[in-house]
Structure formats: C-alpha cells, structure tokens
Amino acid sequence: MNSRILEPGQIQTLAQRAIPRIRLPDRDTLFARRADRFEALAAASPIGAYLRLQAAVARAQHAALADFPGALPTPAQRSAAQAHRMPPMPAAAWPRAPQWRDALTAIGRAVAGLADRPEEVARLGERIAALPAGEAETQADRLLGARDGAVDTAAAPLLMAALQVHWTAAASRLVADDVQPLDVPGLCPLCGTPPVASIVRAQAPYRGYRYLHCALCACEWHLVRVQCSQCGASGKDVAYRSLVPEDDTGEAGGALDQAVRAETCEQCRSYRKIVYQEKDPGVDPVADDLASLALDLLLAEHGYARASGHPLLWQAEADGAR
C-alpha cells in the first residue's frame, strides 16, 4: 500500500480539524471546583490563609453565577467580529450588564463575613459591598483597560472576581463551534484578554492537548505544546521549570511541583505557568497559578518576567508590574 508524506502545512490543517479548538466554561462547575482547589492547596501552603480567602471568593462567584443571565453578543456583533477576526465581546468595549455589580456586592459581603479574617480584610469587604455604582464602573473600566496607575489595587481582585462572573456567564452560553480563534494566538478569542496560564487536559476529547485559559471569561483555546504563548517561539527556546529539580526518572518533587511548571522562553524572556491534569486531576489554572508564587519569585531571580498578570493579584505600580 502506498503511503503519502504530508507537508508541515497539511499536518497543521489536519490537526485543526481533529483537535477541539475552543473549550467553553461550564457555569455549573467552574467556580465550585476552583473553590475546592483553593481549599485543597491551602492545606499545605505557607499562604494558606490567603488561598482560603480566595476559596470564599470563588464560592461567592459560584453563587452569583447561578442567577446571572449572561447577555450574548448580537448576531450582528458576532458577524462583524468574525469578519474582522476580532473578539465578539471585547473586555474594554463590550457593554456590561448592571447585574455584575450585584455579584460584586455579594463577593464583598462574603469576604466581610469570613471567620478568622484580619480586620483590614473585613473592612475591604465592607467597602466593596457598599461601593457606589459610578465608582465601581470607573474602576472596572480602568481594570479592563489595563490602566494600572489608576487602579485601586486593594479592591482590584474583588472587582475582577465580579467581572469574571459577568464574562463567564456569557461565554458559557455560546457554542464552541461558533467561536473563531484570533490571528493573535495569545489573546482570548471571545474577549481579547491574555491567558492567566495554560492547562494540558486529561479527559476526552481534549486529552493531551494544551489550552490557554482566559483570565476573564474562562474560555480556553488550543495552542500546540512547546510553543511560547507570548511571542510564538518554539523548540529549543522553550523550557519547563519547577521549584524542585527533576530526578533521574524525570519526575519533580511534590505533587504541586509535578502538576505546575513554568514555560519559559529565551526569545522574549517571559513565562506562563502550565498545569497538567494527568499529574493532578484537580488542577485549576487560576488557583494553581496563584498558589505557586514561589515559582514566580524563582523565575524573577533568573531574569524572566510574567507574560501577563494574575486576575486576582494586583500590585501597586511602585511595587512592580502586575
């Protein structure tokens, strides 16, 4: 039987047909699973109290999402976005439903009502729960427009948590086959936001494939492995680093070290975390990225910069980039 050798372009075309390109969030499980993951990670973490706080935020997000309608882009908006290869609900320009502020109030109350929390955390929750509508909208515009210097960094994580509810509600109502990847692979095809991290899935039909995870709407889009999600470099320029060196079997130390690594690039000297479901079925790109801050510190010492920030962790401009 004759066999035909495929050219690289033909291989890529076949892969695009076979691999699910888009994975949309499941509104029934996304934040509930994230809350469970934060709790599990907190048990063995030196920042356990902070991770338990984030678990409470995720539970409030889950409750808020249950009643959130999730407005969809109109057919005309979707058509125009596809024609121009643009996201159909761009973070900085898509109209926000006022219900996102109800989610913000609920998140603030959940934080204020936590047991055994520092007094400043309680005050922050109370302030967020009572934030005037105009101020909330102004801060949301600044966050989504990446205007770091004008951002209320203390309130930003809770504001972002509420905005995640708004965008996830819409993303969860779309159909994956109707979402077209952008020409810029490092931006979310739905809202144009950079990914927080990437995940290698372990369940069919996504098994073995790497997906970038949007920091805002939780949409996931496929990107081939061993490729920088920031500049597109591949091969020898891309490396994988963890806190614990690999032993002779190729395995790293603890469970978190095995499931979470940093994908570094020598071309742009940036990195993003990558998490592996085959190593730990419970991994979550948002939770595991936040729980592995020690890896960020290690990479900073070696001259690497985060390709994009974490949606639930903001720093004042004088303290460094987000």
Foldseek 3Di string as FASTA:
>chain_A
DDDDDDDPVVVVVVCVVQALFKDADDLQPQLVLQLVLLQVLLVPFPVNVVSNLVSLLSVLLSVLLVPDQADEQDPVLLVVCVVVLHASQAQLDHDFDLSLLVSQLSSLVSQLPDPPDDPVSNVLSVCSNPPDPVVLVVLSNCVSVVVQQPHPQVNQLSSLSSQLSRQQSHRNPDDSVSFDHGPLQQADSHHRAGAQAKEQDCDPPRHRWIWGAGLRRRMTGTDHPQADSQPGDGDPQKDKAFPADADPVRAGDDLLRRFKIWIAGNVVLEIHIYGYCVSPVSDDSQSSRVRRVVNVVVSVVVPHHYSDHHSNHADHVVVDHD
